[in-house]
Amino acid sequence: MGTMKKTLLLLLVAVMMLSVTTVQAQAKTYKANKVTAKQIVTQLNKTGLIKKMIKPDAAMDPRTPNLYKSKYNFIDKKYNDVYCTVEVFRDNLDAVRRQASIDALYYLYDALEIEEDVPLHAYRYKNVVLRVGRQMKLDRVLKYFNALKKMIR
């Protein structure tokens, strides 16, 4: 790796760490809701947006099994091969950290010009992170996000 890429990588990591710290300091503390990821996906399924609900197992997510309280996956009906996930965290601060780590990975891959694509974007509402495929258009993402906001008050 060239000197320029190493410098860029270090700068990027420093900026991301600073932004995570800033976001954490600004994050409101919401009372954790008792809803599970499966309950959220079940409700989303009633909207007609979901093709298939998928119960996750350890083999599907070997790196982050204990970061969240619950997790459930689904496949979007319109985007047949787009894999999506709902993760519910202990509190919104853990959800902010998770969203920031996914965003950092996306920017890191882009900065280092790594050909492998980061497949998911993360959207957070309170202590819930909705991860959707990057191919999904914003109007579709908003349908999920708005439905999620109605469920979690």
N, C-alpha and C. Protein backbone atom coordinates (compact mmCIF):
# COMPACT_ATOMS: atom_id res chain seq x y z
N MET A 1 0.85 -1.16 0.00
CA MET A 1 0.00 0.00 0.00
C MET A 1 0.90 1.23 0.00
N GLY A 2 0.60 2.18 -0.87
CA GLY A 2 1.41 3.38 -1.00
C GLY A 2 1.26 4.31 0.19
N THR A 3 2.23 5.22 0.32
CA THR A 3 2.22 6.18 1.41
C THR A 3 0.97 7.04 1.40
N MET A 4 0.55 7.45 0.23
CA MET A 4 -0.64 8.30 0.11
C MET A 4 -1.88 7.56 0.63
N LYS A 5 -2.02 6.27 0.26
CA LYS A 5 -3.18 5.50 0.72
C LYS A 5 -3.13 5.28 2.22
N LYS A 6 -1.93 5.04 2.78
CA LYS A 6 -1.80 4.86 4.22
C LYS A 6 -2.20 6.14 4.95
N THR A 7 -1.74 7.28 4.45
CA THR A 7 -2.08 8.56 5.05
C THR A 7 -3.59 8.80 4.99
N LEU A 8 -4.17 8.52 3.83
CA LEU A 8 -5.61 8.68 3.65
C LEU A 8 -6.37 7.77 4.60
N LEU A 9 -5.91 6.54 4.74
CA LEU A 9 -6.55 5.58 5.64
C LEU A 9 -6.50 6.08 7.09
N LEU A 10 -5.34 6.53 7.54
CA LEU A 10 -5.21 7.04 8.91
C LEU A 10 -6.10 8.26 9.14
N LEU A 11 -6.14 9.14 8.15
CA LEU A 11 -6.99 10.33 8.27
C LEU A 11 -8.46 9.93 8.34
N LEU A 12 -8.85 8.99 7.50
CA LEU A 12 -10.23 8.53 7.49
C LEU A 12 -10.61 7.89 8.82
N VAL A 13 -9.74 7.06 9.36
CA VAL A 13 -10.02 6.41 10.64
C VAL A 13 -10.15 7.46 11.74
N ALA A 14 -9.27 8.46 11.75
CA ALA A 14 -9.33 9.52 12.76
C ALA A 14 -10.64 10.30 12.65
N VAL A 15 -11.05 10.63 11.43
CA VAL A 15 -12.30 11.37 11.23
C VAL A 15 -13.49 10.55 11.68
N MET A 16 -13.49 9.26 11.35
CA MET A 16 -14.62 8.40 11.74
C MET A 16 -14.69 8.26 13.25
N MET A 17 -13.54 8.12 13.92
CA MET A 17 -13.55 8.01 15.38
C MET A 17 -14.08 9.29 16.01
N LEU A 18 -13.67 10.43 15.47
CA LEU A 18 -14.15 11.71 15.98
C LEU A 18 -15.66 11.85 15.76
N SER A 19 -16.13 11.43 14.58
CA SER A 19 -17.56 11.56 14.31
C SER A 19 -18.38 10.64 15.19
N VAL A 20 -17.89 9.43 15.47
CA VAL A 20 -18.61 8.51 16.35
C VAL A 20 -18.69 9.11 17.75
N THR A 21 -17.58 9.68 18.23
CA THR A 21 -17.56 10.31 19.55
C THR A 21 -18.53 11.48 19.61
N THR A 22 -18.56 12.29 18.55
CA THR A 22 -19.47 13.43 18.50
C THR A 22 -20.93 12.96 18.48
N VAL A 23 -21.22 11.96 17.68
CA VAL A 23 -22.59 11.43 17.60
C VAL A 23 -23.00 10.86 18.95
N GLN A 24 -22.10 10.15 19.61
CA GLN A 24 -22.42 9.57 20.92
C GLN A 24 -22.74 10.67 21.92
N ALA A 25 -21.97 11.74 21.88
CA ALA A 25 -22.20 12.83 22.82
C ALA A 25 -23.54 13.52 22.57
N GLN A 26 -23.98 13.53 21.31
CA GLN A 26 -25.21 14.22 20.96
C GLN A 26 -26.44 13.31 21.02
N ALA A 27 -26.23 12.01 21.11
CA ALA A 27 -27.34 11.07 21.06
C ALA A 27 -28.25 11.23 22.27
N LYS A 28 -29.53 11.32 21.99
CA LYS A 28 -30.51 11.36 23.07
C LYS A 28 -30.63 9.96 23.66
N THR A 29 -30.90 9.88 24.90
CA THR A 29 -31.11 8.58 25.52
C THR A 29 -32.60 8.31 25.54
N TYR A 30 -33.00 7.32 24.78
CA TYR A 30 -34.40 6.91 24.75
C TYR A 30 -34.57 5.71 25.66
N LYS A 31 -35.70 5.62 26.26
CA LYS A 31 -36.01 4.43 27.03
C LYS A 31 -36.08 3.28 26.03
N ALA A 32 -35.36 2.23 26.32
CA ALA A 32 -35.33 1.10 25.40
C ALA A 32 -36.72 0.50 25.28
N ASN A 33 -37.13 0.24 24.06
CA ASN A 33 -38.42 -0.40 23.88
C ASN A 33 -38.25 -1.90 24.00
N LYS A 34 -39.34 -2.58 24.23
CA LYS A 34 -39.28 -4.02 24.46
C LYS A 34 -39.56 -4.83 23.21
N VAL A 35 -39.69 -4.17 22.10
CA VAL A 35 -39.98 -4.85 20.84
C VAL A 35 -38.75 -5.66 20.39
N THR A 36 -39.01 -6.79 19.76
CA THR A 36 -37.92 -7.60 19.23
C THR A 36 -37.82 -7.39 17.72
N ALA A 37 -36.69 -7.77 17.17
CA ALA A 37 -36.49 -7.65 15.73
C ALA A 37 -37.50 -8.52 14.97
N LYS A 38 -37.80 -9.68 15.50
CA LYS A 38 -38.78 -10.55 14.84
C LYS A 38 -40.16 -9.89 14.81
N GLN A 39 -40.54 -9.23 15.91
CA GLN A 39 -41.83 -8.53 15.94
C GLN A 39 -41.86 -7.41 14.91
N ILE A 40 -40.76 -6.69 14.77
CA ILE A 40 -40.70 -5.61 13.78
C ILE A 40 -40.83 -6.16 12.37
N VAL A 41 -40.07 -7.21 12.07
CA VAL A 41 -40.12 -7.78 10.71
C VAL A 41 -41.49 -8.39 10.45
N THR A 42 -42.10 -8.98 11.45
CA THR A 42 -43.46 -9.52 11.29
C THR A 42 -44.44 -8.41 10.93
N GLN A 43 -44.33 -7.26 11.61
CA GLN A 43 -45.18 -6.11 11.29
C GLN A 43 -44.87 -5.56 9.90
N LEU A 44 -43.59 -5.47 9.55
CA LEU A 44 -43.22 -5.01 8.21
C LEU A 44 -43.77 -5.96 7.15
N ASN A 45 -43.80 -7.23 7.46
CA ASN A 45 -44.32 -8.23 6.53
C ASN A 45 -45.80 -7.98 6.23
N LYS A 46 -46.52 -7.47 7.20
CA LYS A 46 -47.96 -7.17 7.01
C LYS A 46 -48.19 -6.00 6.05
N THR A 47 -47.15 -5.21 5.78
CA THR A 47 -47.28 -4.09 4.85
C THR A 47 -47.23 -4.55 3.40
N GLY A 48 -46.83 -5.80 3.18
CA GLY A 48 -46.73 -6.32 1.82
C GLY A 48 -45.39 -6.04 1.14
N LEU A 49 -44.44 -5.51 1.88
CA LEU A 49 -43.14 -5.18 1.30
C LEU A 49 -42.18 -6.36 1.26
N ILE A 50 -42.40 -7.33 2.14
CA ILE A 50 -41.44 -8.42 2.33
C ILE A 50 -41.84 -9.67 1.57
N LYS A 51 -40.86 -10.27 0.92
CA LYS A 51 -41.07 -11.53 0.21
C LYS A 51 -40.91 -12.72 1.15
N LYS A 52 -39.87 -12.66 2.00
CA LYS A 52 -39.57 -13.81 2.86
C LYS A 52 -38.90 -13.34 4.15
N MET A 53 -39.35 -13.87 5.28
CA MET A 53 -38.71 -13.62 6.58
C MET A 53 -37.70 -14.73 6.82
N ILE A 54 -36.53 -14.36 7.38
CA ILE A 54 -35.46 -15.34 7.57
C ILE A 54 -34.94 -15.25 9.00
N LYS A 55 -35.05 -16.33 9.74
CA LYS A 55 -34.51 -16.37 11.09
C LYS A 55 -32.99 -16.51 11.00
N PRO A 56 -32.24 -15.60 11.62
CA PRO A 56 -30.78 -15.69 11.54
C PRO A 56 -30.23 -16.78 12.46
N ASP A 57 -29.04 -17.25 12.11
CA ASP A 57 -28.33 -18.17 12.98
C ASP A 57 -26.87 -17.72 13.08
N ALA A 58 -26.12 -18.36 13.93
CA ALA A 58 -24.73 -17.94 14.18
C ALA A 58 -23.89 -17.99 12.91
N ALA A 59 -24.15 -18.93 12.03
CA ALA A 59 -23.38 -19.04 10.80
C ALA A 59 -23.61 -17.84 9.87
N MET A 60 -24.79 -17.23 9.97
CA MET A 60 -25.10 -16.08 9.12
C MET A 60 -24.42 -14.80 9.60
N ASP A 61 -24.07 -14.74 10.87
CA ASP A 61 -23.51 -13.52 11.44
C ASP A 61 -22.45 -13.87 12.48
N PRO A 62 -21.33 -14.43 12.05
CA PRO A 62 -20.33 -14.91 13.01
C PRO A 62 -19.57 -13.80 13.74
N ARG A 63 -19.56 -12.58 13.20
CA ARG A 63 -18.73 -11.52 13.77
C ARG A 63 -19.44 -10.66 14.81
N THR A 64 -20.75 -10.59 14.78
CA THR A 64 -21.44 -9.66 15.68
C THR A 64 -22.61 -10.29 16.44
N PRO A 65 -22.47 -11.50 16.95
CA PRO A 65 -23.62 -12.14 17.57
C PRO A 65 -24.09 -11.51 18.88
N ASN A 66 -23.24 -10.82 19.60
CA ASN A 66 -23.64 -10.31 20.91
C ASN A 66 -23.76 -8.79 20.96
N LEU A 67 -23.73 -8.14 19.82
CA LEU A 67 -23.82 -6.69 19.80
C LEU A 67 -25.25 -6.19 19.97
N TYR A 68 -26.21 -6.99 19.60
CA TYR A 68 -27.60 -6.56 19.61
C TYR A 68 -28.42 -7.47 20.51
N LYS A 69 -29.61 -6.97 20.91
CA LYS A 69 -30.53 -7.79 21.71
C LYS A 69 -31.23 -8.82 20.85
N SER A 70 -31.62 -8.39 19.64
CA SER A 70 -32.28 -9.32 18.73
C SER A 70 -32.04 -8.88 17.30
N LYS A 71 -32.17 -9.85 16.41
CA LYS A 71 -31.93 -9.60 14.99
C LYS A 71 -32.85 -10.51 14.18
N TYR A 72 -33.34 -9.96 13.04
CA TYR A 72 -34.13 -10.78 12.12
C TYR A 72 -33.88 -10.27 10.71
N ASN A 73 -33.89 -11.17 9.77
CA ASN A 73 -33.58 -10.85 8.37
C ASN A 73 -34.82 -11.03 7.49
N PHE A 74 -34.77 -10.40 6.34
CA PHE A 74 -35.85 -10.57 5.37
C PHE A 74 -35.35 -10.24 3.97
N ILE A 75 -36.13 -10.68 3.01
CA ILE A 75 -35.85 -10.38 1.60
C ILE A 75 -36.99 -9.52 1.09
N ASP A 76 -36.63 -8.43 0.44
CA ASP A 76 -37.61 -7.50 -0.10
C ASP A 76 -38.36 -8.13 -1.27
N LYS A 77 -39.65 -7.82 -1.37
CA LYS A 77 -40.48 -8.39 -2.44
C LYS A 77 -40.13 -7.80 -3.82
N LYS A 78 -39.86 -6.52 -3.88
CA LYS A 78 -39.58 -5.87 -5.15
C LYS A 78 -38.16 -6.17 -5.63
N TYR A 79 -37.21 -6.15 -4.70
CA TYR A 79 -35.81 -6.44 -5.02
C TYR A 79 -35.52 -7.85 -4.53
N ASN A 80 -35.79 -8.84 -5.38
CA ASN A 80 -35.77 -10.25 -4.98
C ASN A 80 -34.49 -10.73 -4.31
N ASP A 81 -33.36 -10.21 -4.73
CA ASP A 81 -32.11 -10.71 -4.17
C ASP A 81 -31.53 -9.78 -3.10
N VAL A 82 -32.30 -8.80 -2.67
CA VAL A 82 -31.81 -7.85 -1.67
C VAL A 82 -32.14 -8.37 -0.27
N TYR A 83 -31.07 -8.62 0.47
CA TYR A 83 -31.13 -9.14 1.82
C TYR A 83 -31.13 -7.97 2.79
N CYS A 84 -32.06 -7.93 3.71
CA CYS A 84 -32.18 -6.83 4.66
C CYS A 84 -32.22 -7.37 6.08
N THR A 85 -31.94 -6.49 7.03
CA THR A 85 -31.85 -6.91 8.43
C THR A 85 -32.41 -5.84 9.35
N VAL A 86 -33.05 -6.29 10.42
CA VAL A 86 -33.45 -5.40 11.52
C VAL A 86 -32.68 -5.88 12.75
N GLU A 87 -31.99 -4.94 13.40
CA GLU A 87 -31.27 -5.23 14.63
C GLU A 87 -31.79 -4.32 15.73
N VAL A 88 -32.12 -4.89 16.88
CA VAL A 88 -32.58 -4.12 18.03
C VAL A 88 -31.48 -4.14 19.08
N PHE A 89 -31.13 -2.95 19.56
CA PHE A 89 -30.02 -2.82 20.51
C PHE A 89 -30.52 -2.48 21.90
N ARG A 90 -29.65 -2.65 22.87
CA ARG A 90 -29.96 -2.37 24.27
C ARG A 90 -30.42 -0.93 24.44
N ASP A 91 -29.77 -0.01 23.74
CA ASP A 91 -30.16 1.40 23.80
C ASP A 91 -29.76 2.07 22.49
N ASN A 92 -30.14 3.33 22.36
CA ASN A 92 -29.87 4.01 21.10
C ASN A 92 -28.38 4.29 20.90
N LEU A 93 -27.61 4.38 21.96
CA LEU A 93 -26.18 4.61 21.83
C LEU A 93 -25.50 3.42 21.14
N ASP A 94 -25.87 2.20 21.51
CA ASP A 94 -25.32 1.03 20.83
C ASP A 94 -25.75 1.01 19.37
N ALA A 95 -26.97 1.45 19.11
CA ALA A 95 -27.45 1.51 17.72
C ALA A 95 -26.67 2.55 16.92
N VAL A 96 -26.36 3.69 17.55
CA VAL A 96 -25.55 4.72 16.88
C VAL A 96 -24.17 4.16 16.55
N ARG A 97 -23.58 3.43 17.48
CA ARG A 97 -22.26 2.83 17.24
C ARG A 97 -22.32 1.85 16.07
N ARG A 98 -23.35 1.04 16.03
CA ARG A 98 -23.49 0.05 14.95
C ARG A 98 -23.64 0.75 13.60
N GLN A 99 -24.49 1.75 13.55
CA GLN A 99 -24.68 2.48 12.30
C GLN A 99 -23.37 3.14 11.86
N ALA A 100 -22.65 3.73 12.80
CA ALA A 100 -21.37 4.38 12.47
C ALA A 100 -20.34 3.38 11.97
N SER A 101 -20.33 2.17 12.53
CA SER A 101 -19.36 1.18 12.07
C SER A 101 -19.66 0.72 10.65
N ILE A 102 -20.94 0.60 10.33
CA ILE A 102 -21.32 0.21 8.95
C ILE A 102 -20.96 1.34 7.99
N ASP A 103 -21.25 2.58 8.37
CA ASP A 103 -20.91 3.73 7.53
C ASP A 103 -19.40 3.84 7.33
N ALA A 104 -18.63 3.61 8.41
CA ALA A 104 -17.17 3.69 8.32
C ALA A 104 -16.63 2.65 7.36
N LEU A 105 -17.17 1.46 7.41
CA LEU A 105 -16.75 0.40 6.51
C LEU A 105 -17.00 0.78 5.06
N TYR A 106 -18.17 1.36 4.82
CA TYR A 106 -18.51 1.81 3.46
C TYR A 106 -17.48 2.82 2.96
N TYR A 107 -17.16 3.84 3.76
CA TYR A 107 -16.22 4.87 3.35
C TYR A 107 -14.79 4.35 3.26
N LEU A 108 -14.43 3.42 4.11
CA LEU A 108 -13.11 2.83 4.07
C LEU A 108 -12.90 2.06 2.77
N TYR A 109 -13.86 1.24 2.40
CA TYR A 109 -13.76 0.50 1.14
C TYR A 109 -13.63 1.46 -0.03
N ASP A 110 -14.42 2.52 0.00
CA ASP A 110 -14.38 3.49 -1.08
C ASP A 110 -13.03 4.19 -1.14
N ALA A 111 -12.49 4.61 0.02
CA ALA A 111 -11.22 5.34 0.07
C ALA A 111 -10.05 4.47 -0.39
N LEU A 112 -10.09 3.20 -0.05
CA LEU A 112 -9.00 2.30 -0.42
C LEU A 112 -9.21 1.66 -1.79
N GLU A 113 -10.31 2.03 -2.42
CA GLU A 113 -10.66 1.51 -3.75
C GLU A 113 -10.70 -0.02 -3.76
N ILE A 114 -11.26 -0.57 -2.69
CA ILE A 114 -11.43 -2.02 -2.61
C ILE A 114 -12.62 -2.38 -3.47
N GLU A 115 -12.41 -3.36 -4.32
CA GLU A 115 -13.44 -3.72 -5.30
C GLU A 115 -14.67 -4.35 -4.66
N GLU A 116 -14.48 -5.08 -3.57
CA GLU A 116 -15.62 -5.71 -2.92
C GLU A 116 -16.54 -4.62 -2.40
N ASP A 117 -17.80 -4.76 -2.67
CA ASP A 117 -18.78 -3.73 -2.31
C ASP A 117 -19.33 -3.99 -0.92
N VAL A 118 -19.51 -2.93 -0.14
CA VAL A 118 -20.21 -3.05 1.13
C VAL A 118 -21.69 -3.16 0.77
N PRO A 119 -22.32 -4.29 1.07
CA PRO A 119 -23.64 -4.54 0.53
C PRO A 119 -24.80 -3.78 1.18
N LEU A 120 -24.61 -3.24 2.36
CA LEU A 120 -25.75 -2.68 3.07
C LEU A 120 -25.55 -1.23 3.49
N HIS A 121 -26.64 -0.51 3.52
CA HIS A 121 -26.70 0.81 4.14
C HIS A 121 -27.44 0.65 5.45
N ALA A 122 -27.13 1.49 6.43
CA ALA A 122 -27.78 1.39 7.73
C ALA A 122 -28.58 2.65 8.00
N TYR A 123 -29.80 2.45 8.48
CA TYR A 123 -30.67 3.54 8.89
C TYR A 123 -31.09 3.24 10.32
N ARG A 124 -31.07 4.26 11.17
CA ARG A 124 -31.36 4.05 12.58
C ARG A 124 -32.55 4.88 13.02
N TYR A 125 -33.38 4.25 13.84
CA TYR A 125 -34.43 4.97 14.54
C TYR A 125 -34.42 4.49 15.98
N LYS A 126 -34.11 5.41 16.88
CA LYS A 126 -33.97 5.10 18.30
C LYS A 126 -32.98 3.96 18.47
N ASN A 127 -33.38 2.82 19.05
CA ASN A 127 -32.44 1.74 19.28
C ASN A 127 -32.54 0.61 18.25
N VAL A 128 -33.08 0.93 17.09
CA VAL A 128 -33.25 -0.05 16.02
C VAL A 128 -32.46 0.37 14.78
N VAL A 129 -31.72 -0.58 14.22
CA VAL A 129 -30.99 -0.32 12.97
C VAL A 129 -31.62 -1.17 11.88
N LEU A 130 -31.97 -0.52 10.80
CA LEU A 130 -32.50 -1.17 9.60
C LEU A 130 -31.39 -1.17 8.57
N ARG A 131 -30.97 -2.36 8.16
CA ARG A 131 -29.92 -2.47 7.16
C ARG A 131 -30.56 -2.97 5.86
N VAL A 132 -30.34 -2.22 4.79
CA VAL A 132 -30.94 -2.58 3.49
C VAL A 132 -29.86 -2.60 2.42
N GLY A 133 -30.13 -3.35 1.36
CA GLY A 133 -29.19 -3.43 0.26
C GLY A 133 -29.01 -2.09 -0.43
N ARG A 134 -27.79 -1.84 -0.88
CA ARG A 134 -27.50 -0.56 -1.53
C ARG A 134 -28.23 -0.39 -2.85
N GLN A 135 -28.68 -1.49 -3.44
CA GLN A 135 -29.41 -1.40 -4.70
C GLN A 135 -30.81 -0.82 -4.51
N MET A 136 -31.31 -0.87 -3.28
CA MET A 136 -32.67 -0.43 -3.02
C MET A 136 -32.78 1.09 -3.15
N LYS A 137 -33.76 1.51 -3.91
CA LYS A 137 -33.98 2.94 -4.12
C LYS A 137 -34.55 3.58 -2.85
N LEU A 138 -34.27 4.88 -2.72
CA LEU A 138 -34.62 5.60 -1.50
C LEU A 138 -36.13 5.58 -1.21
N ASP A 139 -36.97 5.66 -2.24
CA ASP A 139 -38.41 5.65 -1.98
C ASP A 139 -38.85 4.34 -1.32
N ARG A 140 -38.21 3.24 -1.69
CA ARG A 140 -38.52 1.94 -1.08
C ARG A 140 -38.00 1.90 0.37
N VAL A 141 -36.79 2.40 0.57
CA VAL A 141 -36.21 2.45 1.91
C VAL A 141 -37.12 3.26 2.84
N LEU A 142 -37.63 4.38 2.33
CA LEU A 142 -38.50 5.24 3.14
C LEU A 142 -39.79 4.53 3.54
N LYS A 143 -40.29 3.65 2.70
CA LYS A 143 -41.49 2.88 3.07
C LYS A 143 -41.21 2.03 4.30
N TYR A 144 -40.05 1.37 4.31
CA TYR A 144 -39.66 0.57 5.47
C TYR A 144 -39.45 1.46 6.69
N PHE A 145 -38.68 2.53 6.49
CA PHE A 145 -38.32 3.39 7.61
C PHE A 145 -39.56 4.04 8.24
N ASN A 146 -40.47 4.51 7.42
CA ASN A 146 -41.70 5.13 7.94
C ASN A 146 -42.57 4.12 8.68
N ALA A 147 -42.63 2.90 8.16
CA ALA A 147 -43.39 1.84 8.84
C ALA A 147 -42.73 1.51 10.18
N LEU A 148 -41.40 1.50 10.20
CA LEU A 148 -40.65 1.24 11.43
C LEU A 148 -40.92 2.33 12.48
N LYS A 149 -40.92 3.58 12.05
CA LYS A 149 -41.18 4.69 12.98
C LYS A 149 -42.58 4.61 13.59
N LYS A 150 -43.55 4.14 12.82
CA LYS A 150 -44.92 4.02 13.35
C LYS A 150 -45.00 2.93 14.41
N MET A 151 -44.17 1.90 14.27
CA MET A 151 -44.20 0.78 15.21
C MET A 151 -43.54 1.12 16.53
N ILE A 152 -42.52 1.95 16.48
CA ILE A 152 -41.71 2.26 17.67
C ILE A 152 -42.00 3.69 18.07
N ARG A 153 -42.73 3.87 19.10
CA ARG A 153 -43.07 5.23 19.55
C ARG A 153 -42.47 5.50 20.90
